[in-house]
Amino acid sequence: MINTENWKEFKISDLFTISGSKTTKVEELEEYGNGVYPYVTTKASNNGVDCFYNFYTEDGNCLTIDSAVLGYCSYQELPFSASDHVEILRPKFNMNFNVALFFVTIINLDTYRYSYGRKRSQKQIKKDLIKLPVDEHGKPDYKFMNDYIEELQTRERESEGTIKDSLKTDLKTEKKNIFVEDWKTFKIKDIFKIYTGKDLIYSTLVPGTYDVVGHGKDNLGLVGKSELLEGYPLFDNKKTISLADRGNFYATARPAPFYVGTRVKALTYKFEDCDLYSLMFIANIINQEEFRFTYGRNSTNKLPELEIKLPVKKDGTPDCYYMSKIIKSLPYSDRI
């Protein structure tokens, strides 16, 4: 735990130059083709990045804040392009990777203050205060910030090794072109058996070994671990993905057998040849449909008819071997 008693409040605008970003439409980016430069949006996951293209409008080494939804802050190390409602915070000091991560964490502590009805606009960001560690002159202590993040990354974890170790990969990958022209459209009900989660009061669960999945996005939706729950089905993660269907729309392949709670569906694959990697592929395809659903238009009753496109075998069924191979070919797939 950090002792914050001697920390001091600073205006974000005293430390950063705040401006809007140039709005770039996806249709324009697609003309440049897929590449290495992030396309930053208002999503509060994956560092705000939706895809990567061969085009950018903004220089990197800055923070971005979503001004349309939750006020989510992220660090953009690389040059990037952006959708509408992405605000840029450019440091007035020498900011490195570690210090940027420290600021992102502090700024995101205040996201609870913002929503669709109270947006984190440029005007609001300029007024926002954050508490920071200070040096002997009462100035932000950037060395402390850097050293603290560095220590976190090099700290030994229960699973052995450090966070930095987990980011290393020995995998040598080569770029693969994916052709979707021959993919086939499936309804969710065609390839999955759909189960609806029953009410669970998470605070009353007795800690155990089995994952319990809620409808949030953080930590893959995991809300805790429980003993065996009588009257609740335990799902096989090698055949089943979880899907938050109200509030959030968020599908995930699971690392271990799991239970689902309120506002969550379990989708069990109907065919025999899937594995964890192919389920990851399908979950990501499902998540591309997130834009269709909001708090005012949830997916509960529409899910069985939702259509997704997948690669297929000669018999017309989803090609899980191909999907698995694609995921395994990605950088850092050996760290999954």
Protein backbone atom coordinates (compact mmCIF):
# COMPACT_ATOMS: atom_id res chain seq x y z
CA MET A 1 0.00 0.00 0.00
CA ILE A 2 1.16 3.55 -0.75
CA ASN A 3 1.01 6.17 1.97
CA THR A 4 -0.67 9.14 0.26
CA GLU A 5 -0.96 11.43 3.28
CA ASN A 6 1.72 13.80 2.01
CA TRP A 7 0.59 13.78 -1.59
CA LYS A 8 -0.54 17.05 -3.13
CA GLU A 9 -3.36 17.98 -5.52
CA PHE A 10 -2.52 19.26 -9.00
CA LYS A 11 -4.65 20.46 -11.86
CA ILE A 12 -4.29 18.16 -14.85
CA SER A 13 -4.07 21.25 -17.04
CA ASP A 14 -0.97 22.43 -15.11
CA LEU A 15 0.85 19.24 -16.08
CA PHE A 16 -0.58 18.52 -19.54
CA THR A 17 -1.62 20.46 -22.62
CA ILE A 18 -5.16 19.35 -23.35
CA SER A 19 -6.57 19.25 -26.86
CA GLY A 20 -8.87 17.28 -29.11
CA SER A 21 -7.69 14.75 -31.66
CA LYS A 22 -8.34 14.71 -35.38
CA THR A 23 -11.36 12.48 -36.04
CA THR A 24 -10.62 9.78 -38.61
CA LYS A 25 -13.31 7.51 -40.02
CA VAL A 26 -12.73 3.77 -40.22
CA GLU A 27 -13.59 3.81 -43.92
CA GLU A 28 -10.66 6.14 -44.54
CA LEU A 29 -8.29 4.00 -42.48
CA GLU A 30 -9.30 0.84 -44.33
CA GLU A 31 -8.04 2.42 -47.54
CA TYR A 32 -4.54 2.52 -46.01
CA GLY A 33 -4.78 -1.12 -44.92
CA ASN A 34 -3.91 -2.86 -41.65
CA GLY A 35 -0.63 -1.83 -40.08
CA VAL A 36 1.13 -0.98 -36.82
CA TYR A 37 -0.48 2.32 -35.78
CA PRO A 38 -3.31 2.09 -33.22
CA TYR A 39 -6.80 3.42 -33.92
CA VAL A 40 -7.90 4.83 -30.55
CA THR A 41 -11.62 4.97 -29.77
CA THR A 42 -13.85 5.62 -26.76
CA LYS A 43 -13.85 1.98 -25.66
CA ALA A 44 -12.70 1.34 -22.08
CA SER A 45 -10.75 -1.83 -22.86
CA ASN A 46 -7.66 -2.88 -24.84
CA ASN A 47 -6.05 0.49 -24.05
CA GLY A 48 -8.82 2.16 -26.05
CA VAL A 49 -7.48 0.60 -29.25
CA ASP A 50 -9.93 -0.89 -31.76
CA CYS A 51 -7.57 -1.90 -34.58
CA PHE A 52 -4.21 -1.08 -36.22
CA TYR A 53 -3.68 0.62 -39.58
CA ASN A 54 -0.93 2.02 -41.85
CA PHE A 55 -1.87 5.60 -41.00
CA TYR A 56 -1.68 8.04 -38.11
CA THR A 57 -2.60 11.65 -37.39
CA GLU A 58 -1.23 12.10 -33.86
CA ASP A 59 2.22 11.69 -32.33
CA GLY A 60 2.64 9.18 -29.53
CA ASN A 61 3.94 9.44 -25.95
CA CYS A 62 0.75 11.04 -24.69
CA LEU A 63 -2.37 10.17 -22.74
CA THR A 64 -5.81 9.93 -24.29
CA ILE A 65 -9.17 10.31 -22.55
CA ASP A 66 -12.57 9.21 -23.84
CA SER A 67 -14.90 12.22 -23.58
CA ALA A 68 -18.08 10.39 -24.66
CA VAL A 69 -18.70 7.61 -22.17
CA LEU A 70 -16.69 6.81 -19.02
CA GLY A 71 -13.76 9.20 -19.22
CA TYR A 72 -11.33 6.29 -19.60
CA CYS A 73 -7.66 7.27 -19.78
CA SER A 74 -4.94 5.31 -21.61
CA TYR A 75 -1.32 5.78 -22.63
CA GLN A 76 -0.47 5.87 -26.34
CA GLU A 77 3.19 5.10 -26.80
CA LEU A 78 3.01 4.93 -30.61
CA PRO A 79 1.69 7.44 -33.16
CA PHE A 80 -2.04 6.84 -33.65
CA SER A 81 -5.27 7.93 -35.25
CA ALA A 82 -8.52 8.42 -33.36
CA SER A 83 -12.29 8.32 -33.54
CA ASP A 84 -14.52 11.14 -32.37
CA HIS A 85 -14.48 12.17 -28.67
CA VAL A 86 -10.85 11.24 -27.99
CA GLU A 87 -9.03 13.98 -26.07
CA ILE A 88 -5.23 14.23 -25.93
CA LEU A 89 -3.08 15.08 -22.90
CA ARG A 90 0.46 16.03 -23.91
CA PRO A 91 2.92 16.24 -20.99
CA LYS A 92 4.62 19.50 -20.14
CA PHE A 93 7.40 17.41 -18.56
CA ASN A 94 9.62 14.54 -19.69
CA MET A 95 7.25 11.55 -19.53
CA ASN A 96 8.50 8.01 -19.92
CA PHE A 97 6.54 4.74 -20.10
CA ASN A 98 6.51 4.08 -16.35
CA VAL A 99 5.46 7.60 -15.39
CA ALA A 100 2.71 7.48 -18.01
CA LEU A 101 1.31 4.26 -16.50
CA PHE A 102 1.32 5.89 -13.06
CA PHE A 103 -0.70 8.85 -14.37
CA VAL A 104 -3.15 6.58 -16.21
CA THR A 105 -3.85 4.69 -12.99
CA ILE A 106 -4.37 7.86 -10.95
CA ILE A 107 -6.60 9.52 -13.57
CA ASN A 108 -8.73 6.39 -13.97
CA LEU A 109 -9.49 6.37 -10.25
CA ASP A 110 -11.98 9.14 -11.03
CA THR A 111 -13.87 7.44 -13.87
CA TYR A 112 -16.73 6.67 -11.45
CA ARG A 113 -17.61 10.38 -11.64
CA TYR A 114 -18.45 10.22 -15.35
CA SER A 115 -21.15 8.62 -17.49
CA TYR A 116 -23.20 9.21 -20.63
CA GLY A 117 -24.97 12.04 -18.80
CA ARG A 118 -21.83 13.60 -17.33
CA LYS A 119 -19.03 13.44 -19.85
CA ARG A 120 -15.33 14.04 -19.19
CA SER A 121 -15.10 16.89 -21.70
CA GLN A 122 -12.01 19.00 -22.41
CA LYS A 123 -13.49 21.72 -20.22
CA GLN A 124 -13.96 19.25 -17.36
CA ILE A 125 -10.50 17.71 -17.76
CA LYS A 126 -8.93 21.16 -17.45
CA LYS A 127 -10.66 21.57 -14.08
CA ASP A 128 -9.92 18.08 -12.78
CA LEU A 129 -7.56 17.65 -9.81
CA ILE A 130 -5.41 14.59 -9.14
CA LYS A 131 -3.30 13.74 -6.10
CA LEU A 132 0.36 12.95 -6.73
CA PRO A 133 3.50 12.22 -4.70
CA VAL A 134 5.74 15.28 -4.35
CA ASP A 135 9.46 15.91 -3.94
CA GLU A 136 11.14 18.19 -1.40
CA HIS A 137 10.17 21.22 -3.49
CA GLY A 138 6.47 20.34 -3.56
CA LYS A 139 6.65 19.39 -7.25
CA PRO A 140 5.38 16.09 -8.71
CA ASP A 141 7.89 13.39 -7.83
CA TYR A 142 8.40 11.75 -11.23
CA LYS A 143 11.28 9.64 -9.93
CA PHE A 144 9.02 8.07 -7.31
CA MET A 145 6.39 7.36 -9.99
CA ASN A 146 8.95 5.74 -12.28
CA ASP A 147 10.54 3.67 -9.51
CA TYR A 148 7.17 2.51 -8.16
CA ILE A 149 5.99 1.17 -11.53
CA GLU A 150 9.42 -0.36 -12.16
CA GLU A 151 9.24 -2.15 -8.81
CA LEU A 152 5.78 -3.51 -9.64
CA GLN A 153 7.02 -4.91 -12.93
CA THR A 154 10.02 -6.62 -11.38
CA ARG A 155 8.25 -7.91 -8.26
CA GLU A 156 8.08 -11.67 -7.97
CA ARG A 157 4.54 -12.97 -8.31
CA GLU A 158 2.79 -15.98 -6.76
CA SER A 159 2.91 -17.68 -10.16
CA GLU A 160 6.73 -17.22 -10.17
CA GLY A 161 8.58 -14.85 -12.44
CA THR A 162 7.91 -11.13 -12.84
CA ILE A 163 5.45 -9.06 -14.84
CA LYS A 164 8.30 -8.18 -17.19
CA ASP A 165 9.06 -11.87 -17.64
CA SER A 166 5.44 -12.50 -18.62
CA LEU A 167 5.78 -9.95 -21.41
CA LYS A 168 8.68 -11.77 -23.01
CA THR A 169 8.12 -14.22 -25.83
CA ASP A 170 10.29 -16.70 -27.65
CA LEU A 171 7.68 -17.07 -30.38
CA LYS A 172 8.85 -16.16 -33.86
CA THR A 173 5.82 -15.10 -35.85
CA GLU A 174 5.26 -14.29 -39.45
CA LYS A 175 2.52 -12.10 -40.83
CA LYS A 176 -0.42 -14.09 -42.14
CA ASN A 177 -3.04 -12.77 -44.51
CA ILE A 178 -6.58 -13.69 -43.51
CA PHE A 179 -9.10 -13.89 -46.32
CA VAL A 180 -12.70 -13.61 -45.15
CA GLU A 181 -14.37 -13.87 -48.55
CA ASP A 182 -15.07 -17.59 -48.09
CA TRP A 183 -16.21 -17.34 -44.50
CA LYS A 184 -19.80 -18.32 -43.70
CA THR A 185 -22.45 -16.56 -41.64
CA PHE A 186 -23.75 -18.39 -38.58
CA LYS A 187 -26.40 -17.50 -36.05
CA ILE A 188 -25.26 -17.90 -32.45
CA LYS A 189 -27.97 -20.51 -31.88
CA ASP A 190 -26.59 -22.56 -34.81
CA ILE A 191 -23.23 -23.18 -33.18
CA PHE A 192 -23.85 -22.74 -29.44
CA LYS A 193 -26.21 -24.04 -26.80
CA ILE A 194 -27.20 -20.94 -24.82
CA TYR A 195 -27.55 -21.01 -21.03
CA THR A 196 -28.73 -18.05 -18.93
CA GLY A 197 -27.04 -17.33 -15.64
CA LYS A 198 -29.15 -17.41 -12.47
CA ASP A 199 -29.08 -14.84 -9.68
CA LEU A 200 -25.98 -15.03 -7.53
CA ILE A 201 -25.21 -12.81 -4.55
CA TYR A 202 -21.46 -12.58 -4.97
CA SER A 203 -20.81 -11.29 -1.46
CA THR A 204 -22.23 -14.50 0.04
CA LEU A 205 -20.04 -16.91 -1.95
CA VAL A 206 -17.76 -19.17 0.05
CA PRO A 207 -14.24 -18.79 -1.42
CA GLY A 208 -13.11 -21.86 -3.32
CA THR A 209 -11.43 -23.00 -6.51
CA TYR A 210 -14.07 -22.34 -9.18
CA ASP A 211 -14.31 -19.09 -11.16
CA VAL A 212 -17.51 -17.04 -10.95
CA VAL A 213 -18.16 -14.74 -13.91
CA GLY A 214 -20.19 -11.52 -13.73
CA HIS A 215 -21.23 -9.00 -16.38
CA GLY A 216 -18.25 -6.66 -16.01
CA LYS A 217 -15.29 -6.35 -18.37
CA ASP A 218 -12.45 -6.02 -15.89
CA ASN A 219 -10.34 -9.12 -15.24
CA LEU A 220 -12.25 -11.09 -17.91
CA GLY A 221 -15.45 -10.53 -15.94
CA LEU A 222 -14.19 -12.58 -12.98
CA VAL A 223 -15.94 -11.55 -9.75
CA GLY A 224 -14.46 -14.18 -7.46
CA LYS A 225 -13.94 -17.87 -6.78
CA SER A 226 -16.35 -20.22 -5.08
CA GLU A 227 -16.82 -23.72 -3.76
CA LEU A 228 -19.11 -26.01 -5.74
CA LEU A 229 -22.53 -24.36 -6.04
CA GLU A 230 -25.49 -26.68 -5.68
CA GLY A 231 -28.14 -26.04 -8.31
CA TYR A 232 -25.81 -24.09 -10.62
CA PRO A 233 -24.17 -25.67 -13.70
CA LEU A 234 -20.38 -25.67 -13.78
CA PHE A 235 -19.24 -24.99 -17.35
CA ASP A 236 -16.32 -26.61 -19.13
CA ASN A 237 -14.04 -23.79 -20.27
CA LYS A 238 -12.68 -25.99 -23.10
CA LYS A 239 -16.10 -25.95 -24.76
CA THR A 240 -17.80 -22.84 -23.37
CA ILE A 241 -17.37 -19.07 -23.44
CA SER A 242 -19.05 -16.51 -21.20
CA LEU A 243 -21.01 -13.55 -22.57
CA ALA A 244 -22.20 -10.52 -20.60
CA ASP A 245 -25.51 -9.69 -22.29
CA ARG A 246 -26.86 -6.70 -20.33
CA GLY A 247 -25.08 -3.48 -19.37
CA ASN A 248 -21.98 -4.72 -21.15
CA PHE A 249 -21.75 -6.91 -24.24
CA TYR A 250 -18.57 -8.88 -23.72
CA ALA A 251 -17.59 -12.42 -24.68
CA THR A 252 -14.53 -14.20 -23.28
CA ALA A 253 -12.92 -17.59 -23.50
CA ARG A 254 -12.25 -18.80 -19.99
CA PRO A 255 -8.97 -20.04 -18.45
CA ALA A 256 -10.75 -22.49 -16.08
CA PRO A 257 -14.16 -24.11 -15.43
CA PHE A 258 -16.66 -21.48 -14.31
CA TYR A 259 -20.09 -20.49 -13.06
CA VAL A 260 -22.07 -17.58 -14.50
CA GLY A 261 -24.14 -15.11 -12.52
CA THR A 262 -26.75 -12.49 -13.32
CA ARG A 263 -26.71 -10.85 -16.77
CA VAL A 264 -24.33 -13.47 -18.13
CA LYS A 265 -24.84 -16.20 -20.72
CA ALA A 266 -22.77 -19.35 -21.13
CA LEU A 267 -22.33 -20.41 -24.76
CA THR A 268 -21.39 -24.07 -25.14
CA TYR A 269 -20.02 -25.02 -28.54
CA LYS A 270 -22.11 -27.69 -30.28
CA PHE A 271 -19.34 -29.36 -32.27
CA GLU A 272 -16.50 -31.51 -31.00
CA ASP A 273 -13.33 -30.01 -32.46
CA CYS A 274 -12.96 -26.70 -30.60
CA ASP A 275 -10.16 -25.80 -28.19
CA LEU A 276 -9.36 -22.80 -26.02
CA TYR A 277 -7.67 -20.99 -28.91
CA SER A 278 -10.58 -21.39 -31.31
CA LEU A 279 -12.95 -20.19 -28.57
CA MET A 280 -10.74 -17.10 -28.17
CA PHE A 281 -11.09 -16.49 -31.89
CA ILE A 282 -14.89 -16.82 -31.79
CA ALA A 283 -15.18 -14.63 -28.67
CA ASN A 284 -13.29 -11.85 -30.44
CA ILE A 285 -15.52 -12.16 -33.49
CA ILE A 286 -18.61 -11.91 -31.26
CA ASN A 287 -17.17 -8.81 -29.58
CA GLN A 288 -17.07 -7.04 -32.93
CA GLU A 289 -20.87 -6.83 -32.61
CA GLU A 290 -20.66 -4.80 -29.37
CA PHE A 291 -21.67 -1.62 -31.19
CA ARG A 292 -25.17 -3.04 -31.68
CA PHE A 293 -25.97 -3.14 -27.98
CA THR A 294 -26.18 -0.55 -25.18
CA TYR A 295 -27.91 -0.16 -21.82
CA GLY A 296 -31.04 0.82 -23.73
CA ARG A 297 -30.74 -2.04 -26.23
CA ASN A 298 -29.34 -5.14 -24.60
CA SER A 299 -28.71 -8.44 -26.36
CA THR A 300 -30.72 -10.76 -24.10
CA ASN A 301 -33.49 -11.73 -26.50
CA LYS A 302 -31.59 -10.96 -29.68
CA LEU A 303 -28.58 -13.16 -28.97
CA PRO A 304 -29.81 -16.42 -30.57
CA GLU A 305 -30.36 -14.65 -33.90
CA LEU A 306 -27.14 -12.64 -33.80
CA GLU A 307 -25.06 -13.42 -36.89
CA ILE A 308 -21.27 -13.74 -37.04
CA LYS A 309 -18.93 -14.81 -39.85
CA LEU A 310 -16.42 -17.61 -39.34
CA PRO A 311 -14.00 -19.63 -41.48
CA VAL A 312 -15.49 -22.98 -42.51
CA LYS A 313 -14.43 -26.50 -43.44
CA LYS A 314 -15.55 -28.28 -46.57
CA ASP A 315 -18.60 -29.65 -44.75
CA GLY A 316 -19.74 -26.08 -43.95
CA THR A 317 -19.08 -26.24 -40.20
CA PRO A 318 -16.77 -23.76 -38.44
CA ASP A 319 -13.09 -24.54 -38.99
CA CYS A 320 -11.80 -24.62 -35.42
CA TYR A 321 -8.39 -25.93 -36.48
CA TYR A 322 -7.86 -22.87 -38.68
CA MET A 323 -9.12 -20.47 -35.98
CA SER A 324 -6.84 -22.08 -33.40
CA LYS A 325 -3.88 -21.84 -35.76
CA ILE A 326 -4.50 -18.10 -36.32
CA ILE A 327 -4.54 -17.37 -32.58
CA LYS A 328 -1.39 -19.44 -32.04
CA SER A 329 0.36 -17.45 -34.79
CA LEU A 330 -0.17 -14.12 -33.02
CA PRO A 331 2.68 -12.40 -31.16
CA TYR A 332 2.85 -13.48 -27.49
CA SER A 333 0.38 -16.32 -27.99
CA ASP A 334 2.89 -18.50 -26.16
CA ARG A 335 2.20 -16.39 -23.04
CA ILE A 336 -1.55 -17.16 -22.99
